[in-house]
C-alpha atoms as a PDB file:
ATOM      1  CA  MET A   1       0.019   0.010   0.002  1.00  0.00           C
ATOM      2  CA  ARG A   2       1.383   3.390  -0.975  1.00  0.00           C
ATOM      3  CA  TYR A   3       0.761   6.604   0.919  1.00  0.00           C
ATOM      4  CA  ILE A   4       0.809  10.110  -0.489  1.00  0.00           C
ATOM      5  CA  PHE A   5       0.620  12.995   1.983  1.00  0.00           C
ATOM      6  CA  PHE A   6       0.188  16.700   1.280  1.00  0.00           C
ATOM      7  CA  THR A   7      -1.750  19.778   2.499  1.00  0.00           C
ATOM      8  CA  PHE A   8      -4.365  21.934   0.863  1.00  0.00           C
ATOM      9  CA  THR A   9      -5.384  25.436   1.987  1.00  0.00           C
ATOM     10  CA  PRO A  10      -8.074  27.114  -0.137  1.00  0.00           C
ATOM     11  CA  LYS A  11      -7.690  30.824  -0.800  1.00  0.00           C
ATOM     12  CA  ARG A  12     -11.266  31.394   0.401  1.00  0.00           C
ATOM     13  CA  LEU A  13     -10.608  29.897   3.809  1.00  0.00           C
ATOM     14  CA  GLY A  14     -10.973  32.414   6.585  1.00  0.00           C
ATOM     15  CA  LEU A  15     -10.489  32.127  10.329  1.00  0.00           C
ATOM     16  CA  GLU A  16     -14.178  31.656  11.020  1.00  0.00           C
ATOM     17  CA  THR A  17     -17.405  30.818   9.339  1.00  0.00           C
ATOM     18  CA  ILE A  18     -20.981  31.742  10.274  1.00  0.00           C
ATOM     19  CA  PHE A  19     -24.180  29.690   9.785  1.00  0.00           C
ATOM     20  CA  LYS A  20     -27.533  30.526  11.301  1.00  0.00           C
ATOM     21  CA  GLY A  21     -25.887  32.613  13.983  1.00  0.00           C
ATOM     22  CA  LYS A  22     -23.412  29.878  14.924  1.00  0.00           C
ATOM     23  CA  VAL A  23     -19.802  31.060  14.763  1.00  0.00           C
ATOM     24  CA  ILE A  24     -16.845  28.717  14.834  1.00  0.00           C
ATOM     25  CA  ASP A  25     -13.185  29.739  14.731  1.00  0.00           C
ATOM     26  CA  LYS A  26     -11.528  27.168  12.442  1.00  0.00           C
ATOM     27  CA  SER A  27      -8.125  28.014  13.746  1.00  0.00           C
ATOM     28  CA  LYS A  28      -9.271  26.922  17.230  1.00  0.00           C
ATOM     29  CA  VAL A  29     -10.633  23.647  15.807  1.00  0.00           C
ATOM     30  CA  LYS A  30      -7.372  22.980  13.921  1.00  0.00           C
ATOM     31  CA  ARG A  31      -5.204  23.812  16.927  1.00  0.00           C
ATOM     32  CA  ALA A  32      -7.237  21.832  19.486  1.00  0.00           C
ATOM     33  CA  PHE A  33      -7.369  18.630  17.379  1.00  0.00           C
ATOM     34  CA  SER A  34      -3.781  18.834  16.273  1.00  0.00           C
ATOM     35  CA  LYS A  35      -2.642  19.102  19.960  1.00  0.00           C
ATOM     36  CA  SER A  36      -4.789  16.108  20.971  1.00  0.00           C
ATOM     37  CA  ALA A  37      -3.780  13.767  18.106  1.00  0.00           C
ATOM     38  CA  ALA A  38      -1.447  11.712  20.372  1.00  0.00           C
ATOM     39  CA  THR A  39      -4.058  11.288  23.115  1.00  0.00           C
ATOM     40  CA  TYR A  40      -7.177  10.944  20.953  1.00  0.00           C
ATOM     41  CA  ASP A  41      -7.272   7.123  20.649  1.00  0.00           C
ATOM     42  CA  ARG A  42      -6.595   6.674  24.395  1.00  0.00           C
ATOM     43  CA  TYR A  43      -9.405   8.897  25.561  1.00  0.00           C
ATOM     44  CA  GLY A  44     -11.801   8.789  22.610  1.00  0.00           C
ATOM     45  CA  THR A  45     -13.599   5.532  23.420  1.00  0.00           C
ATOM     46  CA  LEU A  46     -16.912   6.776  22.249  1.00  0.00           C
ATOM     47  CA  GLN A  47     -15.390   8.078  19.058  1.00  0.00           C
ATOM     48  CA  ARG A  48     -13.724   4.771  18.376  1.00  0.00           C
ATOM     49  CA  GLU A  49     -16.983   2.880  18.944  1.00  0.00           C
ATOM     50  CA  VAL A  50     -18.933   5.219  16.619  1.00  0.00           C
ATOM     51  CA  ALA A  51     -16.227   4.763  13.933  1.00  0.00           C
ATOM     52  CA  GLU A  52     -16.509   1.012  14.264  1.00  0.00           C
ATOM     53  CA  SER A  53     -20.360   1.121  14.031  1.00  0.00           C
ATOM     54  CA  LEU A  54     -20.239   3.411  11.027  1.00  0.00           C
ATOM     55  CA  SER A  55     -17.585   1.255   9.283  1.00  0.00           C
ATOM     56  CA  SER A  56     -19.634  -1.895   9.874  1.00  0.00           C
ATOM     57  CA  LEU A  57     -22.711  -0.182   8.463  1.00  0.00           C
ATOM     58  CA  VAL A  58     -20.779   0.743   5.343  1.00  0.00           C
ATOM     59  CA  SER A  59     -19.331  -2.765   5.112  1.00  0.00           C
ATOM     60  CA  HIS A  60     -22.750  -4.384   5.077  1.00  0.00           C
ATOM     61  CA  SER A  61     -24.181  -1.887   2.589  1.00  0.00           C
ATOM     62  CA  VAL A  62     -21.504  -1.253  -0.087  1.00  0.00           C
ATOM     63  CA  ASP A  63     -19.808  -3.985  -2.075  1.00  0.00           C
ATOM     64  CA  MET A  64     -16.621  -2.752  -3.756  1.00  0.00           C
ATOM     65  CA  PRO A  65     -16.373   0.957  -4.529  1.00  0.00           C
ATOM     66  CA  GLU A  66     -13.615   2.070  -6.855  1.00  0.00           C
ATOM     67  CA  ARG A  67     -12.813   5.356  -5.019  1.00  0.00           C
ATOM     68  CA  ILE A  68     -13.555   6.172  -1.365  1.00  0.00           C
ATOM     69  CA  LEU A  69     -13.226   9.443   0.613  1.00  0.00           C
ATOM     70  CA  ASP A  70     -12.989   9.558   4.399  1.00  0.00           C
ATOM     71  CA  ILE A  71     -13.737  13.153   5.592  1.00  0.00           C
ATOM     72  CA  GLY A  72     -12.402  14.211   9.010  1.00  0.00           C
ATOM     73  CA  THR A  73     -10.264  11.090   9.281  1.00  0.00           C
ATOM     74  CA  GLY A  74      -8.781  12.102  12.636  1.00  0.00           C
ATOM     75  CA  THR A  75      -6.278   9.372  13.667  1.00  0.00           C
ATOM     76  CA  GLY A  76      -7.287   7.268  10.709  1.00  0.00           C
ATOM     77  CA  ASN A  77      -9.543   4.649  12.321  1.00  0.00           C
ATOM     78  CA  VAL A  78     -12.164   4.658   9.592  1.00  0.00           C
ATOM     79  CA  ALA A  79      -9.587   4.857   6.794  1.00  0.00           C
ATOM     80  CA  LEU A  80      -7.757   1.862   8.272  1.00  0.00           C
ATOM     81  CA  TYR A  81     -10.918  -0.181   8.371  1.00  0.00           C
ATOM     82  CA  LEU A  82     -11.838   0.786   4.834  1.00  0.00           C
ATOM     83  CA  ALA A  83      -8.342  -0.215   3.708  1.00  0.00           C
ATOM     84  CA  GLU A  84      -8.839  -3.671   5.150  1.00  0.00           C
ATOM     85  CA  ARG A  85     -12.417  -4.059   3.943  1.00  0.00           C
ATOM     86  CA  TYR A  86     -11.781  -2.745   0.443  1.00  0.00           C
ATOM     87  CA  PRO A  87      -8.140  -3.686  -0.441  1.00  0.00           C
ATOM     88  CA  SER A  88      -8.494  -2.924  -4.126  1.00  0.00           C
ATOM     89  CA  SER A  89     -10.133   0.459  -3.715  1.00  0.00           C
ATOM     90  CA  ASP A  90      -8.477   3.808  -4.129  1.00  0.00           C
ATOM     91  CA  ILE A  91      -8.887   5.472  -0.708  1.00  0.00           C
ATOM     92  CA  HIS A  92      -8.546   9.137   0.169  1.00  0.00           C
ATOM     93  CA  ALA A  93      -8.643  10.613   3.676  1.00  0.00           C
ATOM     94  CA  CYS A  94      -8.542  14.198   4.882  1.00  0.00           C
ATOM     95  CA  ASP A  95      -8.691  16.265   8.049  1.00  0.00           C
ATOM     96  CA  ILE A  96      -8.601  19.939   8.710  1.00  0.00           C
ATOM     97  CA  ALA A  97      -6.128  19.528  11.588  1.00  0.00           C
ATOM     98  CA  HIS A  98      -2.682  18.952  10.255  1.00  0.00           C
ATOM     99  CA  GLY A  99      -1.546  17.270  13.449  1.00  0.00           C
ATOM    100  CA  MET A 100      -4.249  14.676  13.033  1.00  0.00           C
ATOM    101  CA  SER A 101      -3.292  14.041   9.380  1.00  0.00           C
ATOM    102  CA  VAL A 102       0.351  13.503  10.336  1.00  0.00           C
ATOM    103  CA  TYR A 103      -0.618  11.211  13.209  1.00  0.00           C
ATOM    104  CA  ALA A 104      -2.937   9.186  10.950  1.00  0.00           C
ATOM    105  CA  LEU A 105      -0.086   8.820   8.405  1.00  0.00           C
ATOM    106  CA  ARG A 106       2.338   7.446  11.039  1.00  0.00           C
ATOM    107  CA  LYS A 107      -0.349   5.148  12.443  1.00  0.00           C
ATOM    108  CA  LEU A 108      -1.208   3.703   9.089  1.00  0.00           C
ATOM    109  CA  GLU A 109       2.453   3.238   8.229  1.00  0.00           C
ATOM    110  CA  LYS A 110       2.906   1.168  11.435  1.00  0.00           C
ATOM    111  CA  TYR A 111      -0.118  -0.909  10.322  1.00  0.00           C
ATOM    112  CA  ILE A 112       1.617  -1.663   6.932  1.00  0.00           C
ATOM    113  CA  ILE A 113       4.891  -2.529   8.612  1.00  0.00           C
ATOM    114  CA  LYS A 114       3.120  -5.063  10.829  1.00  0.00           C
ATOM    115  CA  GLY A 115       1.439  -6.486   7.757  1.00  0.00           C
ATOM    116  CA  SER A 116      -2.142  -7.458   7.088  1.00  0.00           C
ATOM    117  CA  ALA A 117      -3.630 -10.390   5.251  1.00  0.00           C
ATOM    118  CA  ASN A 118      -6.200  -8.107   3.687  1.00  0.00           C
ATOM    119  CA  ALA A 119      -3.815  -5.328   2.510  1.00  0.00           C
ATOM    120  CA  SER A 120      -3.006  -5.241  -1.176  1.00  0.00           C
ATOM    121  CA  ASN A 121       0.106  -3.712  -2.636  1.00  0.00           C
ATOM    122  CA  SER A 122      -1.969  -2.298  -5.420  1.00  0.00           C
ATOM    123  CA  SER A 123      -4.091  -0.234  -3.046  1.00  0.00           C
ATOM    124  CA  ASN A 124      -3.482   3.477  -2.510  1.00  0.00           C
ATOM    125  CA  LEU A 125      -4.279   5.625   0.475  1.00  0.00           C
ATOM    126  CA  ARG A 126      -3.741   9.350   0.116  1.00  0.00           C
ATOM    127  CA  ILE A 127      -3.876  11.499   3.236  1.00  0.00           C
ATOM    128  CA  LEU A 128      -4.577  15.196   2.903  1.00  0.00           C
ATOM    129  CA  THR A 129      -4.859  18.171   5.265  1.00  0.00           C
ATOM    130  CA  ALA A 130      -7.990  19.940   3.989  1.00  0.00           C
ATOM    131  CA  ASP A 131     -11.185  21.709   5.024  1.00  0.00           C
ATOM    132  CA  ALA A 132     -14.432  19.748   4.454  1.00  0.00           C
ATOM    133  CA  GLU A 133     -16.165  22.920   3.275  1.00  0.00           C
ATOM    134  CA  PHE A 134     -13.618  23.270   0.457  1.00  0.00           C
ATOM    135  CA  LEU A 135     -12.729  19.768  -0.686  1.00  0.00           C
ATOM    136  CA  PRO A 136      -9.792  19.762  -3.112  1.00  0.00           C
ATOM    137  CA  TYR A 137     -11.117  16.871  -5.184  1.00  0.00           C
ATOM    138  CA  LYS A 138     -12.585  16.637  -8.713  1.00  0.00           C
ATOM    139  CA  SER A 139     -16.349  16.637  -9.217  1.00  0.00           C
ATOM    140  CA  ASP A 140     -18.107  13.260  -9.780  1.00  0.00           C
ATOM    141  CA  TYR A 141     -14.972  11.410  -8.536  1.00  0.00           C
ATOM    142  CA  PHE A 142     -15.859   9.206  -5.607  1.00  0.00           C
ATOM    143  CA  ASP A 143     -18.279   6.219  -5.315  1.00  0.00           C
ATOM    144  CA  LEU A 144     -18.405   6.359  -1.514  1.00  0.00           C
ATOM    145  CA  VAL A 145     -17.903   9.211   0.983  1.00  0.00           C
ATOM    146  CA  VAL A 146     -17.692   8.397   4.762  1.00  0.00           C
ATOM    147  CA  SER A 147     -17.305  10.721   7.792  1.00  0.00           C
ATOM    148  CA  SER A 148     -17.355   9.930  11.482  1.00  0.00           C
ATOM    149  CA  LEU A 149     -18.042  12.654  14.100  1.00  0.00           C
ATOM    150  CA  THR A 150     -16.820  15.518  12.014  1.00  0.00           C
ATOM    151  CA  TYR A 151     -19.878  17.615  10.936  1.00  0.00           C
ATOM    152  CA  GLN A 152     -20.721  18.921  14.440  1.00  0.00           C
ATOM    153  CA  TRP A 153     -17.572  21.053  14.032  1.00  0.00           C
ATOM    154  CA  MET A 154     -18.949  22.805  10.922  1.00  0.00           C
ATOM    155  CA  SER A 155     -20.413  26.221  10.928  1.00  0.00           C
ATOM    156  CA  ASP A 156     -21.620  25.905   7.359  1.00  0.00           C
ATOM    157  CA  LEU A 157     -23.069  22.437   7.115  1.00  0.00           C
ATOM    158  CA  ARG A 158     -24.722  23.271   3.832  1.00  0.00           C
ATOM    159  CA  SER A 159     -21.430  24.038   2.187  1.00  0.00           C
ATOM    160  CA  ALA A 160     -19.898  20.864   3.608  1.00  0.00           C
ATOM    161  CA  PHE A 161     -22.761  18.674   2.374  1.00  0.00           C
ATOM    162  CA  PHE A 162     -22.783  20.378  -0.993  1.00  0.00           C
ATOM    163  CA  GLU A 163     -19.123  19.558  -1.368  1.00  0.00           C
ATOM    164  CA  VAL A 164     -19.856  15.886  -0.702  1.00  0.00           C
ATOM    165  CA  ARG A 165     -22.633  15.976  -3.314  1.00  0.00           C
ATOM    166  CA  ARG A 166     -20.223  17.603  -5.782  1.00  0.00           C
ATOM    167  CA  VAL A 167     -17.458  15.009  -5.464  1.00  0.00           C
ATOM    168  CA  LEU A 168     -19.791  11.932  -5.513  1.00  0.00           C
ATOM    169  CA  ARG A 169     -20.538  10.185  -8.733  1.00  0.00           C
ATOM    170  CA  ARG A 170     -24.136   9.566  -9.724  1.00  0.00           C
ATOM    171  CA  GLY A 171     -25.396   6.736  -7.613  1.00  0.00           C
ATOM    172  CA  GLY A 172     -22.600   7.260  -5.087  1.00  0.00           C
ATOM    173  CA  ASP A 173     -23.259   6.641  -1.334  1.00  0.00           C
ATOM    174  CA  PHE A 174     -22.774   8.995   1.620  1.00  0.00           C
ATOM    175  CA  PHE A 175     -22.463   7.619   5.157  1.00  0.00           C
ATOM    176  CA  PHE A 176     -21.736   9.732   8.160  1.00  0.00           C
ATOM    177  CA  ALA A 177     -22.164   9.951  11.911  1.00  0.00           C
ATOM    178  CA  MET A 178     -22.479  13.162  13.897  1.00  0.00           C
ATOM    179  CA  LEU A 179     -23.398  14.351  17.371  1.00  0.00           C
ATOM    180  CA  GLY A 180     -26.860  15.805  17.885  1.00  0.00           C
ATOM    181  CA  GLN A 181     -28.499  18.324  20.053  1.00  0.00           C
ATOM    182  CA  GLY A 182     -28.776  16.155  23.165  1.00  0.00           C
ATOM    183  CA  THR A 183     -25.005  15.842  23.450  1.00  0.00           C
ATOM    184  CA  LEU A 184     -23.520  16.946  26.790  1.00  0.00           C
ATOM    185  CA  LYS A 185     -26.913  18.232  27.852  1.00  0.00           C
ATOM    186  CA  GLU A 186     -25.888  17.947  31.576  1.00  0.00           C
ATOM    187  CA  LEU A 187     -22.879  20.073  31.011  1.00  0.00           C
ATOM    188  CA  ARG A 188     -24.858  22.662  29.090  1.00  0.00           C
ATOM    189  CA  ASP A 189     -27.591  22.853  31.738  1.00  0.00           C
ATOM    190  CA  SER A 190     -25.053  23.237  34.552  1.00  0.00           C
ATOM    191  CA  TYR A 191     -23.069  25.950  32.687  1.00  0.00           C
ATOM    192  CA  LEU A 192     -26.270  27.937  31.832  1.00  0.00           C
ATOM    193  CA  SER A 193     -27.384  27.750  35.462  1.00  0.00           C
ATOM    194  CA  SER A 194     -23.990  28.946  36.612  1.00  0.00           C
ATOM    195  CA  LEU A 195     -24.136  31.887  34.224  1.00  0.00           C
ATOM    196  CA  GLU A 196     -27.604  32.805  35.550  1.00  0.00           C
ATOM    197  CA  LYS A 197     -26.370  32.740  39.139  1.00  0.00           C
ATOM    198  CA  ALA A 198     -23.434  34.942  38.148  1.00  0.00           C
ATOM    199  CA  GLY A 199     -25.676  37.431  36.283  1.00  0.00           C
ATOM    200  CA  ASP A 200     -23.795  36.845  33.039  1.00  0.00           C
ATOM    201  CA  ASP A 201     -26.103  37.525  30.040  1.00  0.00           C
ATOM    202  CA  ASN A 202     -23.426  37.001  27.400  1.00  0.00           C
ATOM    203  CA  GLY A 203     -21.776  33.755  28.367  1.00  0.00           C
ATOM    204  CA  ALA A 204     -24.308  31.529  26.532  1.00  0.00           C
ATOM    205  CA  LYS A 205     -22.976  32.552  23.149  1.00  0.00           C
ATOM    206  CA  HIS A 206     -19.721  30.672  23.923  1.00  0.00           C
ATOM    207  CA  LEU A 207     -21.640  27.325  24.031  1.00  0.00           C
ATOM    208  CA  HIS A 208     -21.267  24.907  21.099  1.00  0.00           C
ATOM    209  CA  ASP A 209     -24.573  24.275  19.394  1.00  0.00           C
ATOM    210  CA  PHE A 210     -25.267  20.759  18.109  1.00  0.00           C
ATOM    211  CA  ALA A 211     -27.533  20.209  15.129  1.00  0.00           C
ATOM    212  CA  GLU A 212     -31.085  18.875  15.083  1.00  0.00           C
ATOM    213  CA  ILE A 213     -31.427  15.832  12.837  1.00  0.00           C
ATOM    214  CA  HIS A 214     -34.550  17.238  11.195  1.00  0.00           C
ATOM    215  CA  ASP A 215     -32.545  20.203   9.987  1.00  0.00           C
ATOM    216  CA  VAL A 216     -29.838  17.894   8.734  1.00  0.00           C
ATOM    217  CA  GLU A 217     -32.332  15.768   6.790  1.00  0.00           C
ATOM    218  CA  CYS A 218     -33.998  18.790   5.181  1.00  0.00           C
ATOM    219  CA  MET A 219     -30.601  20.160   4.161  1.00  0.00           C
ATOM    220  CA  LEU A 220     -29.538  16.903   2.563  1.00  0.00           C
ATOM    221  CA  LYS A 221     -32.754  16.732   0.550  1.00  0.00           C
ATOM    222  CA  GLU A 222     -32.467  20.348  -0.594  1.00  0.00           C
ATOM    223  CA  ILE A 223     -28.914  19.688  -1.831  1.00  0.00           C
ATOM    224  CA  GLY A 224     -29.978  16.682  -3.846  1.00  0.00           C
ATOM    225  CA  PHE A 225     -29.468  13.590  -1.732  1.00  0.00           C
ATOM    226  CA  GLY A 226     -32.096  10.861  -1.918  1.00  0.00           C
ATOM    227  CA  ASP A 227     -32.931   7.589  -0.128  1.00  0.00           C
ATOM    228  CA  ILE A 228     -31.986   9.212   3.192  1.00  0.00           C
ATOM    229  CA  ILE A 229     -31.967   6.763   6.100  1.00  0.00           C
ATOM    230  CA  VAL A 230     -31.428   7.988   9.659  1.00  0.00           C
ATOM    231  CA  SER A 231     -30.789   6.155  12.923  1.00  0.00           C
ATOM    232  CA  SER A 232     -30.068   7.701  16.298  1.00  0.00           C
ATOM    233  CA  LYS A 233     -28.957   6.472  19.648  1.00  0.00           C
ATOM    234  CA  SER A 234     -28.271   8.077  23.036  1.00  0.00           C
ATOM    235  CA  GLU A 235     -25.081   7.060  24.807  1.00  0.00           C
ATOM    236  CA  ARG A 236     -24.726   7.756  28.506  1.00  0.00           C
ATOM    237  CA  ARG A 237     -21.119   7.618  29.838  1.00  0.00           C
ATOM    238  CA  LEU A 238     -20.015   7.858  33.460  1.00  0.00           C
ATOM    239  CA  TYR A 239     -16.961   9.760  34.691  1.00  0.00           C
ATOM    240  CA  ARG A 240     -15.441   9.917  38.174  1.00  0.00           C
ATOM    241  CA  ASP A 241     -16.111  13.636  38.413  1.00  0.00           C
ATOM    242  CA  VAL A 242     -16.701  16.802  36.351  1.00  0.00           C
ATOM    243  CA  ALA A 243     -12.996  17.517  36.221  1.00  0.00           C
ATOM    244  CA  THR A 244     -12.378  14.071  34.612  1.00  0.00           C
ATOM    245  CA  LEU A 245     -14.995  14.729  32.053  1.00  0.00           C
ATOM    246  CA  LEU A 246     -13.487  18.049  31.081  1.00  0.00           C
ATOM    247  CA  ARG A 247     -10.026  16.552  30.885  1.00  0.00           C
ATOM    248  CA  THR A 248     -11.315  13.806  28.635  1.00  0.00           C
ATOM    249  CA  LEU A 249     -12.957  16.266  26.301  1.00  0.00           C
ATOM    250  CA  LYS A 250      -9.741  18.300  26.145  1.00  0.00           C
ATOM    251  CA  SER A 251      -7.647  15.165  25.420  1.00  0.00           C
ATOM    252  CA  ILE A 252      -9.669  14.427  22.322  1.00  0.00           C
ATOM    253  CA  GLY A 253      -9.691  18.049  21.054  1.00  0.00           C
ATOM    254  CA  ALA A 254     -13.410  18.556  21.793  1.00  0.00           C
ATOM    255  CA  GLN A 255     -13.102  22.109  23.156  1.00  0.00           C
ATOM    256  CA  ASN A 256     -15.264  25.163  22.590  1.00  0.00           C
ATOM    257  CA  ALA A 257     -14.474  26.641  19.240  1.00  0.00           C
ATOM    258  CA  SER A 258     -16.507  29.800  19.482  1.00  0.00           C
ATOM    259  CA  VAL A 259     -14.960  32.839  17.770  1.00  0.00           C
ATOM    260  CA  TYR A 260     -15.960  34.907  20.809  1.00  0.00           C
ATOM    261  CA  ASP A 261     -13.127  35.289  23.328  1.00  0.00           C
ATOM    262  CA  ARG A 262     -13.946  33.976  26.741  1.00  0.00           C
ATOM    263  CA  LYS A 263     -13.114  36.148  29.658  1.00  0.00           C
ATOM    264  CA  ARG A 264     -10.429  34.965  31.950  1.00  0.00           C
ATOM    265  CA  GLY A 265      -9.854  35.898  35.576  1.00  0.00           C
ATOM    266  CA  ILE A 266     -11.686  35.615  38.900  1.00  0.00           C
ATOM    267  CA  LYS A 267     -15.217  35.823  37.427  1.00  0.00           C
ATOM    268  CA  ARG A 268     -14.503  33.121  34.830  1.00  0.00           C
ATOM    269  CA  ARG A 269     -13.064  30.845  37.622  1.00  0.00           C
ATOM    270  CA  MET A 270     -16.144  31.465  39.766  1.00  0.00           C
ATOM    271  CA  ILE A 271     -18.484  30.521  36.929  1.00  0.00           C
ATOM    272  CA  MET A 272     -16.530  27.305  36.294  1.00  0.00           C
ATOM    273  CA  ASP A 273     -16.417  26.370  39.951  1.00  0.00           C
ATOM    274  CA  GLN A 274     -20.140  27.000  40.246  1.00  0.00           C
ATOM    275  CA  MET A 275     -20.887  24.942  37.166  1.00  0.00           C
ATOM    276  CA  ILE A 276     -18.978  21.973  38.591  1.00  0.00           C
ATOM    277  CA  LYS A 277     -20.894  22.234  41.886  1.00  0.00           C
ATOM    278  CA  ILE A 278     -24.263  22.468  40.043  1.00  0.00           C
ATOM    279  CA  TYR A 279     -23.379  19.508  37.809  1.00  0.00           C
ATOM    280  CA  GLU A 280     -22.452  17.301  40.739  1.00  0.00           C
ATOM    281  CA  ASP A 281     -25.458  18.414  42.861  1.00  0.00           C
ATOM    282  CA  ARG A 282     -27.942  17.692  40.035  1.00  0.00           C
ATOM    283  CA  TYR A 283     -26.498  14.680  38.291  1.00  0.00           C
ATOM    284  CA  LYS A 284     -23.955  12.830  40.435  1.00  0.00           C
ATOM    285  CA  THR A 285     -24.747   9.175  41.152  1.00  0.00           C
ATOM    286  CA  GLU A 286     -22.991   6.641  43.267  1.00  0.00           C
ATOM    287  CA  ASN A 287     -21.130   5.498  40.108  1.00  0.00           C
ATOM    288  CA  GLY A 288     -19.993   8.976  39.084  1.00  0.00           C
ATOM    289  CA  ILE A 289     -21.301  11.814  37.007  1.00  0.00           C
ATOM    290  CA  PRO A 290     -23.140  11.062  33.683  1.00  0.00           C
ATOM    291  CA  ALA A 291     -22.649  12.671  30.264  1.00  0.00           C
ATOM    292  CA  THR A 292     -25.013  12.057  27.428  1.00  0.00           C
ATOM    293  CA  TYR A 293     -24.013  11.823  23.820  1.00  0.00           C
ATOM    294  CA  GLU A 294     -26.675  11.813  21.072  1.00  0.00           C
ATOM    295  CA  VAL A 295     -25.305  10.127  17.960  1.00  0.00           C
ATOM    296  CA  PHE A 296     -26.910  10.193  14.464  1.00  0.00           C
ATOM    297  CA  PHE A 297     -26.016   7.701  11.730  1.00  0.00           C
ATOM    298  CA  VAL A 298     -27.065   8.904   8.309  1.00  0.00           C
ATOM    299  CA  LYS A 299     -27.026   7.340   4.831  1.00  0.00           C
ATOM    300  CA  GLY A 300     -27.916   9.033   1.530  1.00  0.00           C
ATOM    301  CA  ASN A 301     -27.056   8.695  -2.089  1.00  0.00           C
ATOM    302  CA  THR A 302     -27.228  10.668  -5.335  1.00  0.00           C
ATOM    303  CA  HIS A 303     -30.312   8.854  -6.509  1.00  0.00           C
ATOM    304  CA  ALA A 304     -33.720  10.500  -5.953  1.00  0.00           C
ATOM    305  CA  GLY A 305     -35.710   8.644  -3.439  1.00  0.00           C
ATOM    306  CA  CYS A 306     -37.924   8.664  -0.401  1.00  0.00           C
ATOM    307  CA  ASN A 307     -36.813   9.204   3.224  1.00  0.00           C
ATOM    308  CA  GLU A 308     -37.174   6.347   5.656  1.00  0.00           C
ATOM    309  CA  LYS A 309     -36.162   5.457   9.166  1.00  0.00           C
ATOM    310  CA  TRP A 310     -34.069   2.454  10.314  1.00  0.00           C
END
């Protein structure tokens, strides 16, 4: 298996994008995930499980695509699975965080050195540092596009989905998983209550907003995807305490990417301390503190068709 690695930075790419009032600083996203590349697999158990579930879904639905694209490859878990499942396919993987792309390359090189019965020397895997909203690929090029837990970090989902539609061939399949609105609802509730106690009317704009699946479905249909199938599940994870939850999120790069600068100092510290107290008072159990993750699995293709539910 041969690897090609390079970076792509579109001229149109700015520091932030805005969509329906949601503002994300892409430089923060890139910096946070690049820093967390080495600890992502160790702490990202949910992320790994979602990647495995998505990969299994693809495996049971798609036979042998000629060209595959993995968007937001992270440390390369999905790309590695696809390389094993489809040894004769031409596989491309990209991530906006350069540190993640580099880590994925090294990880996949170790995999090749160890050897695999399913790996073929004729297969290619190209790793690229690129923005999902500005994909540097030719139109009508891929038979299959896959993405695991990437799209919750997009401000402009419409642009990102349009890019997938553009690079897919007619009849191509699009599989992705993303976090929904119920994700980290306990943390959000505790933080908002802390802001209220502190009399802070502006702090809520720093919160990360997760999408509603209905909006995602409508957007996909408007762009031209058909046969849309949606499945959702709610995952409840337990942590020793709130500090452990926050450290875990930081270790996988899942930090607030708001373009608004958060105030530092005594007031900021007081709000955080109050949030931790509220969280533990409201949600702590004898087994630890819970955190909810709402995960959507979505499939669509470039054929016209009707929506259905799994």
